[in-house]
Amino acid sequence: GKEREFVATISWSGGTTYYADSVKGRFTIS
């Protein structure tokens, strides 16, 4: 019942990551 939302992203090098505020500190992308 909800729209799709962004969670996390990572650059191809792995050097840049970015998280949604709702998951920051709990989720880790690698």
PDB file of all heavy atoms in Angstrom:
ATOM      1  N   GLY A   1       0.774  -1.220   0.000  1.00  0.00           N
ATOM      2  CA  GLY A   1       0.000   0.000   0.000  1.00  0.00           C
ATOM      3  C   GLY A   1       0.809   1.274   0.000  1.00  0.00           C
ATOM      4  O   GLY A   1       0.240   2.368   0.089  1.00  0.00           O
ATOM      5  N   LYS A   2       2.127   1.148  -0.085  1.00  0.00           N
ATOM      6  CA  LYS A   2       2.989   2.332  -0.072  1.00  0.00           C
ATOM      7  C   LYS A   2       3.808   2.405  -1.349  1.00  0.00           C
ATOM      8  O   LYS A   2       3.987   1.420  -2.060  1.00  0.00           O
ATOM      9  CB  LYS A   2       3.916   2.300   1.140  1.00  0.00           C
ATOM     10  CG  LYS A   2       3.188   2.398   2.469  1.00  0.00           C
ATOM     11  CD  LYS A   2       4.162   2.551   3.619  1.00  0.00           C
ATOM     12  CE  LYS A   2       3.436   2.728   4.937  1.00  0.00           C
ATOM     13  NZ  LYS A   2       4.388   2.910   6.065  1.00  0.00           N
ATOM     14  N   GLU A   3       4.327   3.586  -1.608  1.00  0.00           N
ATOM     15  CA  GLU A   3       5.188   3.766  -2.766  1.00  0.00           C
ATOM     16  C   GLU A   3       6.580   3.205  -2.483  1.00  0.00           C
ATOM     17  O   GLU A   3       7.015   3.127  -1.340  1.00  0.00           O
ATOM     18  CB  GLU A   3       5.284   5.251  -3.127  1.00  0.00           C
ATOM     19  CG  GLU A   3       3.981   5.839  -3.623  1.00  0.00           C
ATOM     20  CD  GLU A   3       4.145   7.239  -4.159  1.00  0.00           C
ATOM     21  OE1 GLU A   3       5.252   7.805  -4.022  1.00  0.00           O
ATOM     22  OE2 GLU A   3       3.167   7.779  -4.703  1.00  0.00           O
ATOM     23  N   ARG A   4       7.268   2.868  -3.557  1.00  0.00           N
ATOM     24  CA  ARG A   4       8.644   2.421  -3.431  1.00  0.00           C
ATOM     25  C   ARG A   4       9.501   3.552  -2.873  1.00  0.00           C
ATOM     26  O   ARG A   4       9.317   4.725  -3.241  1.00  0.00           O
ATOM     27  CB  ARG A   4       9.169   2.008  -4.799  1.00  0.00           C
ATOM     28  CG  ARG A   4      10.590   1.472  -4.812  1.00  0.00           C
ATOM     29  CD  ARG A   4      10.983   1.102  -6.222  1.00  0.00           C
ATOM     30  NE  ARG A   4      10.995   2.263  -7.089  1.00  0.00           N
ATOM     31  CZ  ARG A   4      10.988   2.216  -8.416  1.00  0.00           C
ATOM     32  NH1 ARG A   4      10.954   1.046  -9.024  1.00  0.00           N
ATOM     33  NH2 ARG A   4      11.014   3.306  -9.136  1.00  0.00           N
ATOM     34  N   GLU A   5      10.410   3.218  -1.977  1.00  0.00           N
ATOM     35  CA  GLU A   5      11.273   4.238  -1.395  1.00  0.00           C
ATOM     36  C   GLU A   5      12.734   3.824  -1.440  1.00  0.00           C
ATOM     37  O   GLU A   5      13.073   2.642  -1.376  1.00  0.00           O
ATOM     38  CB  GLU A   5      10.867   4.547   0.055  1.00  0.00           C
ATOM     39  CG  GLU A   5      11.052   3.412   1.020  1.00  0.00           C
ATOM     40  CD  GLU A   5      10.796   3.817   2.469  1.00  0.00           C
ATOM     41  OE1 GLU A   5      10.628   5.021   2.740  1.00  0.00           O
ATOM     42  OE2 GLU A   5      10.775   2.922   3.333  1.00  0.00           O
ATOM     43  N   PHE A   6      13.575   4.820  -1.531  1.00  0.00           N
ATOM     44  CA  PHE A   6      15.011   4.614  -1.546  1.00  0.00           C
ATOM     45  C   PHE A   6      15.495   4.172  -0.172  1.00  0.00           C
ATOM     46  O   PHE A   6      15.002   4.661   0.854  1.00  0.00           O
ATOM     47  CB  PHE A   6      15.700   5.923  -1.948  1.00  0.00           C
ATOM     48  CG  PHE A   6      17.160   5.977  -1.639  1.00  0.00           C
ATOM     49  CD1 PHE A   6      18.072   5.272  -2.419  1.00  0.00           C
ATOM     50  CD2 PHE A   6      17.632   6.688  -0.561  1.00  0.00           C
ATOM     51  CE1 PHE A   6      19.418   5.311  -2.130  1.00  0.00           C
ATOM     52  CE2 PHE A   6      18.978   6.744  -0.268  1.00  0.00           C
ATOM     53  CZ  PHE A   6      19.875   6.045  -1.051  1.00  0.00           C
ATOM     54  N   VAL A   7      16.467   3.261  -0.168  1.00  0.00           N
ATOM     55  CA  VAL A   7      17.049   2.776   1.087  1.00  0.00           C
ATOM     56  C   VAL A   7      18.539   3.126   1.180  1.00  0.00           C
ATOM     57  O   VAL A   7      18.984   3.770   2.124  1.00  0.00           O
ATOM     58  CB  VAL A   7      16.862   1.258   1.227  1.00  0.00           C
ATOM     59  CG1 VAL A   7      17.583   0.748   2.479  1.00  0.00           C
ATOM     60  CG2 VAL A   7      15.383   0.893   1.282  1.00  0.00           C
ATOM     61  N   ALA A   8      19.317   2.692   0.185  1.00  0.00           N
ATOM     62  CA  ALA A   8      20.760   2.915   0.234  1.00  0.00           C
ATOM     63  C   ALA A   8      21.341   2.785  -1.162  1.00  0.00           C
ATOM     64  O   ALA A   8      20.744   2.151  -2.037  1.00  0.00           O
ATOM     65  CB  ALA A   8      21.432   1.900   1.167  1.00  0.00           C
ATOM     66  N   THR A   9      22.513   3.383  -1.361  1.00  0.00           N
ATOM     67  CA  THR A   9      23.182   3.292  -2.656  1.00  0.00           C
ATOM     68  C   THR A   9      24.688   3.273  -2.456  1.00  0.00           C
ATOM     69  O   THR A   9      25.197   3.762  -1.433  1.00  0.00           O
ATOM     70  CB  THR A   9      22.775   4.462  -3.571  1.00  0.00           C
ATOM     71  OG1 THR A   9      23.439   4.346  -4.829  1.00  0.00           O
ATOM     72  CG2 THR A   9      23.132   5.804  -2.951  1.00  0.00           C
ATOM     73  N   ILE A  10      25.391   2.685  -3.431  1.00  0.00           N
ATOM     74  CA  ILE A  10      26.845   2.601  -3.357  1.00  0.00           C
ATOM     75  C   ILE A  10      27.424   2.817  -4.745  1.00  0.00           C
ATOM     76  O   ILE A  10      26.905   2.309  -5.738  1.00  0.00           O
ATOM     77  CB  ILE A  10      27.278   1.238  -2.767  1.00  0.00           C
ATOM     78  CG1 ILE A  10      28.787   1.198  -2.510  1.00  0.00           C
ATOM     79  CG2 ILE A  10      26.831   0.064  -3.633  1.00  0.00           C
ATOM     80  CD1 ILE A  10      29.214   0.016  -1.620  1.00  0.00           C
ATOM     81  N   SER A  11      28.503   3.590  -4.817  1.00  0.00           N
ATOM     82  CA  SER A  11      29.176   3.829  -6.090  1.00  0.00           C
ATOM     83  C   SER A  11      29.893   2.568  -6.548  1.00  0.00           C
ATOM     84  O   SER A  11      30.072   1.621  -5.770  1.00  0.00           O
ATOM     85  CB  SER A  11      30.195   4.958  -5.932  1.00  0.00           C
ATOM     86  OG  SER A  11      31.171   4.605  -4.956  1.00  0.00           O
ATOM     87  N   TRP A  12      30.318   2.543  -7.810  1.00  0.00           N
ATOM     88  CA  TRP A  12      30.947   1.322  -8.301  1.00  0.00           C
ATOM     89  C   TRP A  12      32.246   1.044  -7.574  1.00  0.00           C
ATOM     90  O   TRP A  12      32.624  -0.113  -7.407  1.00  0.00           O
ATOM     91  CB  TRP A  12      31.168   1.373  -9.814  1.00  0.00           C
ATOM     92  CG  TRP A  12      32.248   2.295 -10.320  1.00  0.00           C
ATOM     93  CD1 TRP A  12      32.061   3.504 -10.926  1.00  0.00           C
ATOM     94  CD2 TRP A  12      33.669   2.078 -10.305  1.00  0.00           C
ATOM     95  NE1 TRP A  12      33.261   4.054 -11.270  1.00  0.00           N
ATOM     96  CE2 TRP A  12      34.278   3.198 -10.919  1.00  0.00           C
ATOM     97  CE3 TRP A  12      34.492   1.060  -9.859  1.00  0.00           C
ATOM     98  CZ2 TRP A  12      35.651   3.331 -11.076  1.00  0.00           C
ATOM     99  CZ3 TRP A  12      35.876   1.179 -10.013  1.00  0.00           C
ATOM    100  CH2 TRP A  12      36.432   2.298 -10.608  1.00  0.00           C
ATOM    101  N   SER A  13      32.923   2.083  -7.135  1.00  0.00           N
ATOM    102  CA  SER A  13      34.191   1.894  -6.434  1.00  0.00           C
ATOM    103  C   SER A  13      33.987   1.472  -4.989  1.00  0.00           C
ATOM    104  O   SER A  13      34.929   1.022  -4.330  1.00  0.00           O
ATOM    105  CB  SER A  13      34.995   3.194  -6.456  1.00  0.00           C
ATOM    106  OG  SER A  13      34.347   4.174  -5.672  1.00  0.00           O
ATOM    107  N   GLY A  14      32.774   1.661  -4.489  1.00  0.00           N
ATOM    108  CA  GLY A  14      32.514   1.395  -3.076  1.00  0.00           C
ATOM    109  C   GLY A  14      32.893   2.547  -2.174  1.00  0.00           C
ATOM    110  O   GLY A  14      32.648   2.501  -0.970  1.00  0.00           O
ATOM    111  N   GLY A  15      33.468   3.587  -2.759  1.00  0.00           N
ATOM    112  CA  GLY A  15      33.954   4.687  -1.949  1.00  0.00           C
ATOM    113  C   GLY A  15      32.899   5.666  -1.498  1.00  0.00           C
ATOM    114  O   GLY A  15      33.133   6.454  -0.568  1.00  0.00           O
ATOM    115  N   THR A  16      31.738   5.636  -2.131  1.00  0.00           N
ATOM    116  CA  THR A  16      30.648   6.544  -1.758  1.00  0.00           C
ATOM    117  C   THR A  16      29.409   5.733  -1.457  1.00  0.00           C
ATOM    118  O   THR A  16      29.008   4.884  -2.250  1.00  0.00           O
ATOM    119  CB  THR A  16      30.339   7.526  -2.890  1.00  0.00           C
ATOM    120  OG1 THR A  16      31.522   8.249  -3.234  1.00  0.00           O
ATOM    121  CG2 THR A  16      29.251   8.498  -2.472  1.00  0.00           C
ATOM    122  N   THR A  17      28.824   6.007  -0.317  1.00  0.00           N
ATOM    123  CA  THR A  17      27.558   5.391   0.056  1.00  0.00           C
ATOM    124  C   THR A  17      26.627   6.478   0.571  1.00  0.00           C
ATOM    125  O   THR A  17      27.072   7.538   1.022  1.00  0.00           O
ATOM    126  CB  THR A  17      27.730   4.322   1.148  1.00  0.00           C
ATOM    127  OG1 THR A  17      28.335   4.921   2.315  1.00  0.00           O
ATOM    128  CG2 THR A  17      28.608   3.178   0.672  1.00  0.00           C
ATOM    129  N   TYR A  18      25.338   6.177   0.486  1.00  0.00           N
ATOM    130  CA  TYR A  18      24.344   7.156   0.945  1.00  0.00           C
ATOM    131  C   TYR A  18      23.124   6.374   1.414  1.00  0.00           C
ATOM    132  O   TYR A  18      22.755   5.362   0.807  1.00  0.00           O
ATOM    133  CB  TYR A  18      23.985   8.114  -0.184  1.00  0.00           C
ATOM    134  CG  TYR A  18      23.098   9.258   0.256  1.00  0.00           C
ATOM    135  CD1 TYR A  18      23.633  10.320   0.972  1.00  0.00           C
ATOM    136  CD2 TYR A  18      21.750   9.269  -0.041  1.00  0.00           C
ATOM    137  CE1 TYR A  18      22.828  11.367   1.396  1.00  0.00           C
ATOM    138  CE2 TYR A  18      20.941  10.310   0.371  1.00  0.00           C
ATOM    139  CZ  TYR A  18      21.485  11.354   1.080  1.00  0.00           C
ATOM    140  OH  TYR A  18      20.692  12.384   1.496  1.00  0.00           O
ATOM    141  N   TYR A  19      22.518   6.855   2.503  1.00  0.00           N
ATOM    142  CA  TYR A  19      21.404   6.142   3.108  1.00  0.00           C
ATOM    143  C   TYR A  19      20.202   7.051   3.321  1.00  0.00           C
ATOM    144  O   TYR A  19      20.349   8.259   3.563  1.00  0.00           O
ATOM    145  CB  TYR A  19      21.824   5.585   4.479  1.00  0.00           C
ATOM    146  CG  TYR A  19      22.961   4.609   4.413  1.00  0.00           C
ATOM    147  CD1 TYR A  19      24.278   5.037   4.522  1.00  0.00           C
ATOM    148  CD2 TYR A  19      22.732   3.249   4.254  1.00  0.00           C
ATOM    149  CE1 TYR A  19      25.340   4.142   4.461  1.00  0.00           C
ATOM    150  CE2 TYR A  19      23.779   2.345   4.201  1.00  0.00           C
ATOM    151  CZ  TYR A  19      25.074   2.802   4.299  1.00  0.00           C
ATOM    152  OH  TYR A  19      26.112   1.903   4.236  1.00  0.00           O
ATOM    153  N   ALA A  20      19.041   6.452   3.291  1.00  0.00           N
ATOM    154  CA  ALA A  20      17.841   7.158   3.721  1.00  0.00           C
ATOM    155  C   ALA A  20      17.943   7.416   5.220  1.00  0.00           C
ATOM    156  O   ALA A  20      18.512   6.607   5.965  1.00  0.00           O
ATOM    157  CB  ALA A  20      16.605   6.326   3.407  1.00  0.00           C
ATOM    158  N   ASP A  21      17.380   8.525   5.658  1.00  0.00           N
ATOM    159  CA  ASP A  21      17.448   8.860   7.079  1.00  0.00           C
ATOM    160  C   ASP A  21      16.837   7.771   7.952  1.00  0.00           C
ATOM    161  O   ASP A  21      17.296   7.540   9.072  1.00  0.00           O
ATOM    162  CB  ASP A  21      16.733  10.186   7.332  1.00  0.00           C
ATOM    163  CG  ASP A  21      17.511  11.382   6.800  1.00  0.00           C
ATOM    164  OD1 ASP A  21      18.723  11.242   6.530  1.00  0.00           O
ATOM    165  OD2 ASP A  21      16.891  12.453   6.648  1.00  0.00           O
ATOM    166  N   SER A  22      15.823   7.109   7.429  1.00  0.00           N
ATOM    167  CA  SER A  22      15.103   6.115   8.231  1.00  0.00           C
ATOM    168  C   SER A  22      15.938   4.877   8.533  1.00  0.00           C
ATOM    169  O   SER A  22      15.601   4.118   9.443  1.00  0.00           O
ATOM    170  CB  SER A  22      13.818   5.699   7.517  1.00  0.00           C
ATOM    171  OG  SER A  22      14.114   5.157   6.243  1.00  0.00           O
ATOM    172  N   VAL A  23      17.013   4.661   7.795  1.00  0.00           N
ATOM    173  CA  VAL A  23      17.826   3.453   8.001  1.00  0.00           C
ATOM    174  C   VAL A  23      19.257   3.775   8.404  1.00  0.00           C
ATOM    175  O   VAL A  23      20.028   2.872   8.744  1.00  0.00           O
ATOM    176  CB  VAL A  23      17.844   2.562   6.745  1.00  0.00           C
ATOM    177  CG1 VAL A  23      16.424   2.256   6.295  1.00  0.00           C
ATOM    178  CG2 VAL A  23      18.658   3.175   5.614  1.00  0.00           C
ATOM    179  N   LYS A  24      19.608   5.043   8.403  1.00  0.00           N
ATOM    180  CA  LYS A  24      20.980   5.451   8.723  1.00  0.00           C
ATOM    181  C   LYS A  24      21.365   4.964  10.115  1.00  0.00           C
ATOM    182  O   LYS A  24      20.606   5.105  11.072  1.00  0.00           O
ATOM    183  CB  LYS A  24      21.080   6.967   8.628  1.00  0.00           C
ATOM    184  CG  LYS A  24      22.478   7.492   8.410  1.00  0.00           C
ATOM    185  CD  LYS A  24      22.445   8.984   8.133  1.00  0.00           C
ATOM    186  CE  LYS A  24      21.742   9.316   6.844  1.00  0.00           C
ATOM    187  NZ  LYS A  24      21.768  10.762   6.535  1.00  0.00           N
ATOM    188  N   GLY A  25      22.526   4.356  10.211  1.00  0.00           N
ATOM    189  CA  GLY A  25      22.999   3.825  11.481  1.00  0.00           C
ATOM    190  C   GLY A  25      22.556   2.401  11.752  1.00  0.00           C
ATOM    191  O   GLY A  25      23.083   1.757  12.659  1.00  0.00           O
ATOM    192  N   ARG A  26      21.602   1.900  10.979  1.00  0.00           N
ATOM    193  CA  ARG A  26      21.121   0.517  11.156  1.00  0.00           C
ATOM    194  C   ARG A  26      21.462  -0.370   9.970  1.00  0.00           C
ATOM    195  O   ARG A  26      21.672  -1.570  10.139  1.00  0.00           O
ATOM    196  CB  ARG A  26      19.609   0.512  11.377  1.00  0.00           C
ATOM    197  CG  ARG A  26      19.152   1.293  12.576  1.00  0.00           C
ATOM    198  CD  ARG A  26      17.672   1.077  12.852  1.00  0.00           C
ATOM    199  NE  ARG A  26      16.828   1.562  11.751  1.00  0.00           N
ATOM    200  CZ  ARG A  26      15.970   0.786  11.083  1.00  0.00           C
ATOM    201  NH1 ARG A  26      15.836  -0.488  11.395  1.00  0.00           N
ATOM    202  NH2 ARG A  26      15.234   1.312  10.115  1.00  0.00           N
ATOM    203  N   PHE A  27      21.484   0.197   8.780  1.00  0.00           N
ATOM    204  CA  PHE A  27      21.751  -0.558   7.557  1.00  0.00           C
ATOM    205  C   PHE A  27      23.129  -0.180   7.021  1.00  0.00           C
ATOM    206  O   PHE A  27      23.562   0.971   7.140  1.00  0.00           O
ATOM    207  CB  PHE A  27      20.711  -0.241   6.483  1.00  0.00           C
ATOM    208  CG  PHE A  27      19.323  -0.746   6.758  1.00  0.00           C
ATOM    209  CD1 PHE A  27      18.944  -1.250   7.997  1.00  0.00           C
ATOM    210  CD2 PHE A  27      18.371  -0.727   5.749  1.00  0.00           C
ATOM    211  CE1 PHE A  27      17.668  -1.709   8.231  1.00  0.00           C
ATOM    212  CE2 PHE A  27      17.081  -1.180   5.969  1.00  0.00           C
ATOM    213  CZ  PHE A  27      16.722  -1.668   7.215  1.00  0.00           C
ATOM    214  N   THR A  28      23.798  -1.153   6.411  1.00  0.00           N
ATOM    215  CA  THR A  28      25.096  -0.904   5.793  1.00  0.00           C
ATOM    216  C   THR A  28      25.141  -1.553   4.420  1.00  0.00           C
ATOM    217  O   THR A  28      24.887  -2.756   4.294  1.00  0.00           O
ATOM    218  CB  THR A  28      26.235  -1.467   6.649  1.00  0.00           C
ATOM    219  OG1 THR A  28      26.184  -0.894   7.960  1.00  0.00           O
ATOM    220  CG2 THR A  28      27.587  -1.147   6.019  1.00  0.00           C
ATOM    221  N   ILE A  29      25.475  -0.767   3.411  1.00  0.00           N
ATOM    222  CA  ILE A  29      25.612  -1.290   2.059  1.00  0.00           C
ATOM    223  C   ILE A  29      27.093  -1.488   1.759  1.00  0.00           C
ATOM    224  O   ILE A  29      27.937  -0.675   2.160  1.00  0.00           O
ATOM    225  CB  ILE A  29      24.948  -0.342   1.028  1.00  0.00           C
ATOM    226  CG1 ILE A  29      24.875  -0.988  -0.355  1.00  0.00           C
ATOM    227  CG2 ILE A  29      25.648   1.012   0.979  1.00  0.00           C
ATOM    228  CD1 ILE A  29      24.016  -0.209  -1.352  1.00  0.00           C
ATOM    229  N   SER A  30      27.411  -2.572   1.072  1.00  0.00           N
ATOM    230  CA  SER A  30      28.796  -2.857   0.705  1.00  0.00           C
ATOM    231  C   SER A  30      28.785  -3.669  -0.575  1.00  0.00           C
ATOM    232  O   SER A  30      27.731  -4.123  -1.020  1.00  0.00           O
ATOM    233  CB  SER A  30      29.513  -3.620   1.819  1.00  0.00           C
ATOM    234  OG  SER A  30      28.887  -4.876   2.045  1.00  0.00           O
TER     235      SER A  30
END
